[in-house]
Amino acid sequence: MSFFADPVPGRPGLALFLNAGDPPLDTFRELVVMLDDAKVDCLELAIPFPNSASDGPVIRASASRALEDGIDRDAVLGFIRDVRAELTHLKIALLADWSYSIKGTPMREFLESVQAAGADGLLVHGLPPRLKPEYYEAAGTVDLPIVTTCYATSNDDVLNEAAEHGSAYIYLVAAYGRSGTVGPPDHSALIPVMETLRARTNVPVAVGFGVKDKSHIDGLGAVGADAAIVGSTCVARVTAARDAGRDVVEDFRGLLVELGQIPES
């Protein structure tokens, strides 16, 4: 299974980040189905959690709205289970914070629940280093593809670990900082680390942080990234539509036009 199959020549695959439950789940379902129709490759779907140290104000406010509406781990897994059969192209990579969403549940039990819900992959945020061997072993036993992460400035040990254990894709974080607050990717820094990763694994390399528009996506395609990950821009579009009382799905369709994913109607 590939998360980024059959890319358009010169254009990388596309992954979009959203917090589950923002907008509310009935509208969120319509949004996810629209993303599938638009042939978006991957939805990084977060179980909302509070006070993320790696996220800027846009994503943190979105998570707060979803949490206030009662969106928790079970609600998100139930949502995936409910919508999965309708999707023909879109893959779902679930993002779960270890401390808020996993701690207290045996690792294998949690991974089995994610797989049973129909998620195509898993990215764990904030996993303590001491638990990584258990996580990797459980993922292999359950046969659940996982997303590993590294930075453009990561040392060789971190790159080796990401390449060895990533099985869904490798999330290459283009720059340190909080989401929504960093500039566009520095291609000169990305090229050597992508070459290093590709020498060690065939798993796709997706680049995120600072990817906001079509020019950034096209630039990543030009330097050989397998996929681009757009996060804060997506959440900001949902926020703007909700604040203005507009149709979130139609507003988001407009964003897909701007990103070059679908033609303007």
Protein backbone atom coordinates (compact mmCIF):
# COMPACT_ATOMS: atom_id res chain seq x y z
CA MET A 1 0.00 0.00 0.00
CA SER A 2 1.38 3.40 -0.92
CA PHE A 3 0.22 6.61 0.72
CA PHE A 4 1.22 8.62 -2.34
CA ALA A 5 0.48 6.46 -5.37
CA ASP A 6 0.69 7.56 -9.00
CA PRO A 7 1.83 11.17 -8.51
CA VAL A 8 1.48 13.68 -11.32
CA PRO A 9 4.94 14.04 -12.94
CA GLY A 10 6.82 16.89 -11.28
CA ARG A 11 4.24 17.29 -8.54
CA PRO A 12 4.49 15.54 -5.18
CA GLY A 13 1.66 13.79 -3.42
CA LEU A 14 -0.47 15.84 -1.05
CA ALA A 15 -1.17 15.33 2.64
CA LEU A 16 -3.40 17.71 4.60
CA PHE A 17 -3.60 18.11 8.37
CA LEU A 18 -6.82 18.71 10.31
CA ASN A 19 -8.02 18.26 13.87
CA ALA A 20 -10.88 15.77 14.04
CA GLY A 21 -14.06 17.54 15.11
CA ASP A 22 -13.18 20.98 13.72
CA PRO A 23 -15.59 21.49 12.01
CA PRO A 24 -18.13 19.33 13.89
CA LEU A 25 -18.18 15.69 12.84
CA ASP A 26 -21.25 15.82 10.60
CA THR A 27 -19.65 18.55 8.49
CA PHE A 28 -16.23 16.99 8.92
CA ARG A 29 -17.52 13.83 7.26
CA GLU A 30 -18.65 15.82 4.22
CA LEU A 31 -15.24 17.47 4.12
CA VAL A 32 -13.37 14.16 4.23
CA VAL A 33 -15.50 12.70 1.44
CA MET A 34 -14.81 15.80 -0.64
CA LEU A 35 -11.06 15.34 -0.09
CA ASP A 36 -11.39 11.78 -1.32
CA ASP A 37 -13.28 12.92 -4.43
CA ALA A 38 -10.51 15.49 -5.06
CA LYS A 39 -7.86 12.71 -4.93
CA VAL A 40 -6.02 14.15 -1.96
CA ASP A 41 -3.61 11.39 -1.00
CA CYS A 42 -3.52 11.56 2.77
CA LEU A 43 -5.36 13.19 5.65
CA GLU A 44 -3.27 13.58 8.77
CA LEU A 45 -6.13 13.39 11.23
CA ALA A 46 -5.33 14.46 14.78
CA ILE A 47 -7.11 13.30 17.87
CA PRO A 48 -7.36 16.78 19.42
CA PHE A 49 -5.21 17.41 22.46
CA PRO A 50 -4.53 20.58 24.46
CA ASN A 51 -1.49 22.83 24.68
CA SER A 52 0.61 21.29 21.93
CA ALA A 53 4.17 22.56 22.30
CA SER A 54 4.88 21.99 18.59
CA ASP A 55 1.85 23.87 17.24
CA GLY A 56 1.14 27.53 16.75
CA PRO A 57 -2.03 29.40 17.76
CA VAL A 58 -4.14 28.39 14.74
CA ILE A 59 -3.89 24.64 15.32
CA ARG A 60 -4.07 24.98 19.10
CA ALA A 61 -7.29 27.00 18.87
CA SER A 62 -8.75 24.40 16.51
CA ALA A 63 -7.92 21.60 18.94
CA SER A 64 -9.54 23.56 21.76
CA ARG A 65 -12.78 23.94 19.78
CA ALA A 66 -12.92 20.21 19.11
CA LEU A 67 -12.16 19.34 22.73
CA GLU A 68 -14.88 21.70 23.93
CA ASP A 69 -17.29 19.81 21.66
CA GLY A 70 -16.36 16.55 23.40
CA ILE A 71 -14.18 15.04 20.70
CA ASP A 72 -12.00 12.36 22.28
CA ARG A 73 -10.12 9.26 21.18
CA ASP A 74 -13.18 7.03 20.97
CA ALA A 75 -15.10 9.62 18.95
CA VAL A 76 -12.26 9.91 16.44
CA LEU A 77 -11.81 6.14 16.07
CA GLY A 78 -15.56 5.81 15.64
CA PHE A 79 -15.51 8.51 12.98
CA ILE A 80 -12.80 6.73 11.01
CA ARG A 81 -14.66 3.44 11.29
CA ASP A 82 -17.83 5.11 10.00
CA VAL A 83 -16.34 6.97 7.03
CA ARG A 84 -13.67 4.53 5.88
CA ALA A 85 -15.87 2.47 3.56
CA GLU A 86 -16.77 5.60 1.56
CA LEU A 87 -13.16 6.43 0.71
CA THR A 88 -11.56 5.13 -2.46
CA HIS A 89 -8.34 7.16 -2.64
CA LEU A 90 -7.71 9.10 0.57
CA LYS A 91 -5.53 7.47 3.21
CA ILE A 92 -5.92 8.41 6.86
CA ALA A 93 -2.82 8.78 9.01
CA LEU A 94 -4.00 9.17 12.59
CA LEU A 95 -2.00 11.53 14.81
CA ALA A 96 -2.25 10.75 18.50
CA ASP A 97 -0.49 12.46 21.39
CA TRP A 98 1.03 9.88 23.69
CA SER A 99 0.40 11.68 26.97
CA TYR A 100 -3.17 12.75 26.24
CA SER A 101 -4.52 9.95 24.04
CA ILE A 102 -2.45 6.81 24.66
CA LYS A 103 -0.88 6.86 28.13
CA GLY A 104 -2.57 4.30 30.38
CA THR A 105 -3.50 1.99 27.49
CA PRO A 106 -1.18 -0.90 26.62
CA MET A 107 0.66 -0.02 23.42
CA ARG A 108 -0.40 -3.06 21.46
CA GLU A 109 -4.02 -2.62 22.54
CA PHE A 110 -4.02 0.95 21.29
CA LEU A 111 -2.45 0.04 17.95
CA GLU A 112 -4.97 -2.75 17.47
CA SER A 113 -7.81 -0.29 18.09
CA VAL A 114 -6.36 2.10 15.49
CA GLN A 115 -6.05 -0.68 12.93
CA ALA A 116 -9.55 -2.00 13.69
CA ALA A 117 -11.01 1.46 13.14
CA GLY A 118 -9.59 1.50 9.60
CA ALA A 119 -6.78 4.04 9.90
CA ASP A 120 -4.12 3.44 7.29
CA GLY A 121 -1.25 4.60 9.46
CA LEU A 122 -0.28 6.16 12.76
CA LEU A 123 1.92 9.04 13.89
CA VAL A 124 2.51 9.27 17.64
CA HIS A 125 3.29 12.73 19.00
CA GLY A 126 5.44 13.09 22.09
CA LEU A 127 6.35 9.44 22.51
CA PRO A 128 8.97 9.07 25.29
CA PRO A 129 12.22 7.65 23.88
CA ARG A 130 12.17 4.77 26.37
CA LEU A 131 8.91 3.53 24.82
CA LYS A 132 10.05 3.58 21.20
CA PRO A 133 11.27 -0.05 21.08
CA GLU A 134 7.93 -1.26 22.43
CA TYR A 135 6.09 0.93 19.91
CA TYR A 136 8.09 -0.31 16.94
CA GLU A 137 7.70 -3.92 18.01
CA ALA A 138 3.96 -3.57 18.52
CA ALA A 139 3.49 -1.85 15.17
CA GLY A 140 5.29 -4.71 13.45
CA THR A 141 3.26 -7.33 15.30
CA VAL A 142 -0.05 -5.62 14.55
CA ASP A 143 1.10 -4.79 11.00
CA LEU A 144 0.08 -1.14 11.30
CA PRO A 145 2.11 1.24 9.09
CA ILE A 146 3.66 4.06 11.08
CA VAL A 147 4.96 7.53 10.31
CA THR A 148 8.40 8.37 11.65
CA THR A 149 9.80 11.90 11.87
CA CYS A 150 13.11 13.65 11.44
CA TYR A 151 14.39 17.15 10.75
CA ALA A 152 16.51 18.54 7.96
CA THR A 153 19.18 19.03 10.64
CA SER A 154 18.80 15.64 12.37
CA ASN A 155 21.93 13.67 13.14
CA ASP A 156 22.72 10.36 11.52
CA ASP A 157 21.26 8.25 14.34
CA VAL A 158 17.88 9.97 14.05
CA LEU A 159 17.84 9.58 10.26
CA ASN A 160 18.72 5.91 10.59
CA GLU A 161 15.90 5.36 13.08
CA ALA A 162 13.37 7.16 10.87
CA ALA A 163 14.44 5.14 7.84
CA GLU A 164 14.51 1.82 9.67
CA HIS A 165 11.10 2.06 11.31
CA GLY A 166 9.01 4.29 9.01
CA SER A 167 6.57 2.15 7.08
CA ALA A 168 3.78 4.57 6.06
CA TYR A 169 6.03 7.53 5.27
CA ILE A 170 8.77 9.61 6.81
CA TYR A 171 7.69 13.08 7.91
CA LEU A 172 10.64 15.33 7.18
CA VAL A 173 10.14 18.48 9.26
CA ALA A 174 11.58 21.31 7.20
CA ALA A 175 12.39 23.64 10.09
CA TYR A 176 12.30 23.87 13.87
CA GLY A 177 9.49 25.96 15.27
CA ARG A 178 5.78 25.87 15.91
CA SER A 179 3.42 25.01 13.08
CA GLY A 180 2.20 28.05 11.19
CA THR A 181 5.08 30.20 12.38
CA VAL A 182 7.99 29.10 10.17
CA GLY A 183 8.93 30.21 6.68
CA PRO A 184 8.86 28.14 3.47
CA PRO A 185 11.10 25.07 3.19
CA ASP A 186 14.79 25.62 2.51
CA HIS A 187 15.41 23.37 -0.47
CA SER A 188 19.18 23.50 -0.11
CA ALA A 189 18.86 21.94 3.34
CA LEU A 190 16.29 19.35 2.29
CA ILE A 191 18.06 17.83 -0.70
CA PRO A 192 20.97 16.16 1.15
CA VAL A 193 18.78 14.73 3.90
CA MET A 194 16.30 13.34 1.34
CA GLU A 195 19.20 11.72 -0.50
CA THR A 196 20.41 10.18 2.76
CA LEU A 197 16.96 8.80 3.59
CA ARG A 198 16.47 7.40 0.09
CA ALA A 199 19.75 5.56 0.32
CA ARG A 200 18.39 3.76 3.38
CA THR A 201 14.71 3.15 2.64
CA ASN A 202 12.09 3.05 -0.10
CA VAL A 203 9.44 4.57 2.18
CA PRO A 204 8.09 7.89 0.83
CA VAL A 205 9.49 11.13 2.24
CA ALA A 206 6.86 13.81 2.91
CA VAL A 207 7.93 17.34 3.81
CA GLY A 208 5.95 19.59 6.14
CA PHE A 209 6.18 22.79 8.24
CA GLY A 210 6.11 26.02 6.29
CA VAL A 211 4.30 24.48 3.28
CA LYS A 212 1.48 26.92 2.64
CA ASP A 213 0.74 27.34 -1.06
CA LYS A 214 1.08 25.90 -4.56
CA SER A 215 4.52 27.42 -5.11
CA HIS A 216 5.83 25.62 -2.03
CA ILE A 217 4.31 22.33 -3.18
CA ASP A 218 5.74 22.75 -6.67
CA GLY A 219 9.14 23.59 -5.20
CA LEU A 220 9.15 20.40 -3.16
CA GLY A 221 8.26 18.43 -6.27
CA ALA A 222 11.17 20.02 -8.10
CA VAL A 223 13.65 18.79 -5.49
CA GLY A 224 12.19 15.29 -5.37
CA ALA A 225 9.96 15.16 -2.29
CA ASP A 226 7.42 12.36 -2.51
CA ALA A 227 4.75 14.46 -0.84
CA ALA A 228 4.02 17.87 0.66
CA ILE A 229 2.20 18.26 3.97
CA VAL A 230 0.00 21.34 4.41
CA GLY A 231 -1.17 21.96 7.95
CA SER A 232 -1.85 25.39 9.40
CA THR A 233 -3.15 26.73 6.09
CA CYS A 234 -5.84 24.03 6.11
CA VAL A 235 -6.84 24.67 9.70
CA ALA A 236 -6.89 28.42 9.09
CA ARG A 237 -9.28 27.95 6.16
CA VAL A 238 -11.67 25.97 8.37
CA THR A 239 -11.42 28.64 11.06
CA ALA A 240 -12.13 31.49 8.65
CA ALA A 241 -15.16 29.74 7.19
CA ARG A 242 -16.61 28.97 10.61
CA ASP A 243 -16.00 32.49 11.90
CA ALA A 244 -17.73 33.99 8.86
CA GLY A 245 -20.62 31.52 8.87
CA ARG A 246 -19.69 30.19 5.43
CA ASP A 247 -19.90 26.63 4.11
CA VAL A 248 -16.71 24.99 5.37
CA VAL A 249 -16.66 22.34 2.65
CA GLU A 250 -17.05 24.86 -0.18
CA ASP A 251 -14.43 27.16 1.34
CA PHE A 252 -12.06 24.24 1.61
CA ARG A 253 -12.74 23.26 -1.99
CA GLY A 254 -11.51 26.74 -2.87
CA LEU A 255 -8.29 26.02 -0.98
CA LEU A 256 -7.76 22.87 -3.03
CA VAL A 257 -8.04 25.00 -6.16
CA GLU A 258 -5.44 27.41 -4.77
CA LEU A 259 -3.12 24.51 -3.95
CA GLY A 260 -3.43 23.20 -7.50
CA GLN A 261 -5.10 19.97 -6.43
CA ILE A 262 -8.29 20.51 -8.44
CA PRO A 263 -9.09 22.82 -11.38
CA GLU A 264 -11.11 25.97 -10.89
CA SER A 265 -14.74 25.32 -11.81
